[in-house]
Amino acid sequence: MTTVLKRDVGRFLKEMKVHYGDVWRMPSSKYLLQPDFVVVDPKTGKKTKVSFVSLDDGEVVGVVYDEMG
């Protein structure tokens, strides 16, 4: 189930970069078909899909995101 967060999208992505290092905008990523998060900017209403990329052993190696149209 996708979690919805109401936060500033830019700030959220900066925080992800601090913790995970690799954060990529990938519009056609298969990981975004069922995102882990949908971040909604409360001021602008802009929505962004965010998913963790993990290896087979479960280790998270990065984050992918894309804006929702």
N, C-alpha and C. Protein backbone atom coordinates (compact mmCIF):
# COMPACT_ATOMS: atom_id res chain seq x y z
N MET A 1 0.84 -1.18 0.00
CA MET A 1 0.00 0.00 0.00
C MET A 1 0.88 1.25 0.00
N THR A 2 0.54 2.20 -0.81
CA THR A 2 1.29 3.44 -0.95
C THR A 2 0.99 4.38 0.20
N THR A 3 2.03 4.98 0.76
CA THR A 3 1.89 5.95 1.84
C THR A 3 1.87 7.35 1.25
N VAL A 4 0.95 8.20 1.69
CA VAL A 4 0.87 9.58 1.22
C VAL A 4 1.43 10.49 2.31
N LEU A 5 2.40 11.32 1.91
CA LEU A 5 3.02 12.28 2.83
C LEU A 5 2.73 13.68 2.34
N LYS A 6 2.38 14.58 3.24
CA LYS A 6 2.18 15.98 2.88
C LYS A 6 3.40 16.75 3.36
N ARG A 7 4.32 16.99 2.40
CA ARG A 7 5.57 17.68 2.70
C ARG A 7 6.06 18.41 1.47
N ASP A 8 6.97 19.31 1.68
CA ASP A 8 7.65 19.98 0.57
C ASP A 8 8.46 18.92 -0.18
N VAL A 9 8.19 18.75 -1.46
CA VAL A 9 8.81 17.70 -2.26
C VAL A 9 10.32 17.88 -2.34
N GLY A 10 10.78 19.09 -2.60
CA GLY A 10 12.22 19.35 -2.72
C GLY A 10 12.95 19.00 -1.43
N ARG A 11 12.39 19.39 -0.33
CA ARG A 11 13.01 19.10 0.97
C ARG A 11 13.03 17.58 1.24
N PHE A 12 11.94 16.91 0.91
CA PHE A 12 11.87 15.47 1.11
C PHE A 12 12.96 14.76 0.30
N LEU A 13 13.13 15.15 -0.97
CA LEU A 13 14.14 14.52 -1.82
C LEU A 13 15.56 14.81 -1.33
N LYS A 14 15.79 16.02 -0.81
CA LYS A 14 17.11 16.35 -0.24
C LYS A 14 17.41 15.45 0.95
N GLU A 15 16.41 15.20 1.79
CA GLU A 15 16.60 14.32 2.94
C GLU A 15 16.89 12.89 2.49
N MET A 16 16.24 12.45 1.42
CA MET A 16 16.51 11.12 0.90
C MET A 16 17.96 11.01 0.40
N LYS A 17 18.47 12.09 -0.23
CA LYS A 17 19.85 12.09 -0.73
C LYS A 17 20.85 11.98 0.41
N VAL A 18 20.53 12.59 1.55
CA VAL A 18 21.42 12.53 2.71
C VAL A 18 21.52 11.09 3.22
N HIS A 19 20.41 10.39 3.26
CA HIS A 19 20.38 9.05 3.84
C HIS A 19 20.75 7.94 2.85
N TYR A 20 20.40 8.10 1.58
CA TYR A 20 20.60 7.03 0.62
C TYR A 20 21.62 7.34 -0.47
N GLY A 21 22.01 8.60 -0.63
CA GLY A 21 23.03 8.94 -1.61
C GLY A 21 22.56 8.97 -3.05
N ASP A 22 22.03 7.88 -3.54
CA ASP A 22 21.60 7.80 -4.93
C ASP A 22 20.10 8.02 -5.04
N VAL A 23 19.72 9.17 -5.60
CA VAL A 23 18.32 9.52 -5.81
C VAL A 23 18.19 9.94 -7.27
N TRP A 24 17.39 9.20 -8.04
CA TRP A 24 17.28 9.45 -9.48
C TRP A 24 15.86 9.75 -9.88
N ARG A 25 15.71 10.67 -10.84
CA ARG A 25 14.41 10.89 -11.47
C ARG A 25 14.35 9.95 -12.67
N MET A 26 13.43 9.00 -12.61
CA MET A 26 13.31 7.98 -13.67
C MET A 26 11.84 7.82 -14.02
N PRO A 27 11.33 8.60 -14.97
CA PRO A 27 9.90 8.58 -15.30
C PRO A 27 9.35 7.22 -15.71
N SER A 28 10.12 6.41 -16.40
CA SER A 28 9.59 5.14 -16.90
C SER A 28 10.04 3.94 -16.06
N SER A 29 10.45 4.17 -14.83
CA SER A 29 10.95 3.09 -13.99
C SER A 29 9.84 2.12 -13.58
N LYS A 30 10.14 0.84 -13.63
CA LYS A 30 9.17 -0.18 -13.20
C LYS A 30 8.91 -0.07 -11.70
N TYR A 31 9.84 0.51 -10.95
CA TYR A 31 9.67 0.67 -9.51
C TYR A 31 8.56 1.66 -9.16
N LEU A 32 8.21 2.53 -10.10
CA LEU A 32 7.19 3.54 -9.83
C LEU A 32 5.78 3.09 -10.20
N LEU A 33 5.64 1.86 -10.70
CA LEU A 33 4.31 1.36 -11.00
C LEU A 33 3.47 1.23 -9.72
N GLN A 34 4.12 0.83 -8.62
CA GLN A 34 3.50 0.78 -7.30
C GLN A 34 4.45 1.47 -6.33
N PRO A 35 4.39 2.80 -6.26
CA PRO A 35 5.36 3.55 -5.45
C PRO A 35 5.21 3.28 -3.96
N ASP A 36 6.32 3.46 -3.23
CA ASP A 36 6.29 3.33 -1.78
C ASP A 36 5.66 4.56 -1.13
N PHE A 37 5.89 5.73 -1.73
CA PHE A 37 5.35 6.98 -1.22
C PHE A 37 4.77 7.82 -2.34
N VAL A 38 3.76 8.61 -2.04
CA VAL A 38 3.34 9.71 -2.88
C VAL A 38 3.47 10.94 -1.99
N VAL A 39 4.35 11.85 -2.39
CA VAL A 39 4.59 13.07 -1.62
C VAL A 39 3.77 14.18 -2.24
N VAL A 40 2.93 14.83 -1.44
CA VAL A 40 2.07 15.91 -1.90
C VAL A 40 2.53 17.20 -1.24
N ASP A 41 2.91 18.17 -2.06
CA ASP A 41 3.30 19.49 -1.54
C ASP A 41 2.04 20.21 -1.11
N PRO A 42 1.90 20.54 0.18
CA PRO A 42 0.66 21.17 0.65
C PRO A 42 0.40 22.57 0.07
N LYS A 43 1.46 23.26 -0.36
CA LYS A 43 1.28 24.62 -0.90
C LYS A 43 0.86 24.60 -2.36
N THR A 44 1.48 23.72 -3.15
CA THR A 44 1.23 23.72 -4.59
C THR A 44 0.33 22.58 -5.06
N GLY A 45 0.19 21.55 -4.25
CA GLY A 45 -0.59 20.39 -4.65
C GLY A 45 0.18 19.44 -5.58
N LYS A 46 1.45 19.75 -5.86
CA LYS A 46 2.29 18.93 -6.72
C LYS A 46 2.51 17.55 -6.07
N LYS A 47 2.32 16.49 -6.87
CA LYS A 47 2.47 15.13 -6.37
C LYS A 47 3.67 14.46 -7.02
N THR A 48 4.43 13.72 -6.21
CA THR A 48 5.60 13.02 -6.69
C THR A 48 5.58 11.59 -6.19
N LYS A 49 5.79 10.63 -7.10
CA LYS A 49 5.89 9.22 -6.72
C LYS A 49 7.33 8.92 -6.33
N VAL A 50 7.50 8.15 -5.25
CA VAL A 50 8.84 7.82 -4.76
C VAL A 50 8.88 6.33 -4.41
N SER A 51 9.93 5.64 -4.87
CA SER A 51 10.11 4.22 -4.54
C SER A 51 11.55 3.94 -4.18
N PHE A 52 11.73 2.98 -3.28
CA PHE A 52 13.06 2.50 -2.93
C PHE A 52 13.46 1.42 -3.91
N VAL A 53 14.74 1.42 -4.28
CA VAL A 53 15.31 0.38 -5.13
C VAL A 53 16.13 -0.51 -4.21
N SER A 54 15.81 -1.80 -4.21
CA SER A 54 16.53 -2.71 -3.32
C SER A 54 17.07 -3.91 -4.08
N LEU A 55 18.11 -4.51 -3.54
CA LEU A 55 18.69 -5.72 -4.10
C LEU A 55 17.85 -6.92 -3.68
N ASP A 56 18.17 -8.08 -4.22
CA ASP A 56 17.43 -9.29 -3.88
C ASP A 56 17.49 -9.62 -2.39
N ASP A 57 18.58 -9.22 -1.72
CA ASP A 57 18.71 -9.51 -0.29
C ASP A 57 18.00 -8.47 0.58
N GLY A 58 17.34 -7.49 -0.05
CA GLY A 58 16.58 -6.49 0.69
C GLY A 58 17.33 -5.21 1.00
N GLU A 59 18.62 -5.14 0.68
CA GLU A 59 19.39 -3.94 0.95
C GLU A 59 18.96 -2.81 0.01
N VAL A 60 18.62 -1.66 0.59
CA VAL A 60 18.21 -0.50 -0.21
C VAL A 60 19.45 0.17 -0.77
N VAL A 61 19.47 0.37 -2.09
CA VAL A 61 20.64 0.96 -2.75
C VAL A 61 20.35 2.30 -3.37
N GLY A 62 19.11 2.71 -3.41
CA GLY A 62 18.79 4.00 -4.00
C GLY A 62 17.31 4.29 -3.97
N VAL A 63 16.98 5.47 -4.48
CA VAL A 63 15.59 5.95 -4.51
C VAL A 63 15.32 6.48 -5.91
N VAL A 64 14.16 6.14 -6.47
CA VAL A 64 13.74 6.71 -7.75
C VAL A 64 12.44 7.50 -7.52
N TYR A 65 12.25 8.53 -8.36
CA TYR A 65 11.05 9.36 -8.22
C TYR A 65 10.65 9.93 -9.57
N ASP A 66 9.41 10.40 -9.63
CA ASP A 66 8.93 11.14 -10.79
C ASP A 66 7.67 11.90 -10.38
N GLU A 67 7.46 13.02 -11.01
CA GLU A 67 6.26 13.82 -10.76
C GLU A 67 5.05 13.15 -11.39
N MET A 68 3.92 13.27 -10.75
CA MET A 68 2.68 12.74 -11.30
C MET A 68 2.03 13.84 -12.13
N GLY A 69 1.53 13.46 -13.29
CA GLY A 69 0.96 14.42 -14.22
C GLY A 69 -0.37 14.87 -13.79
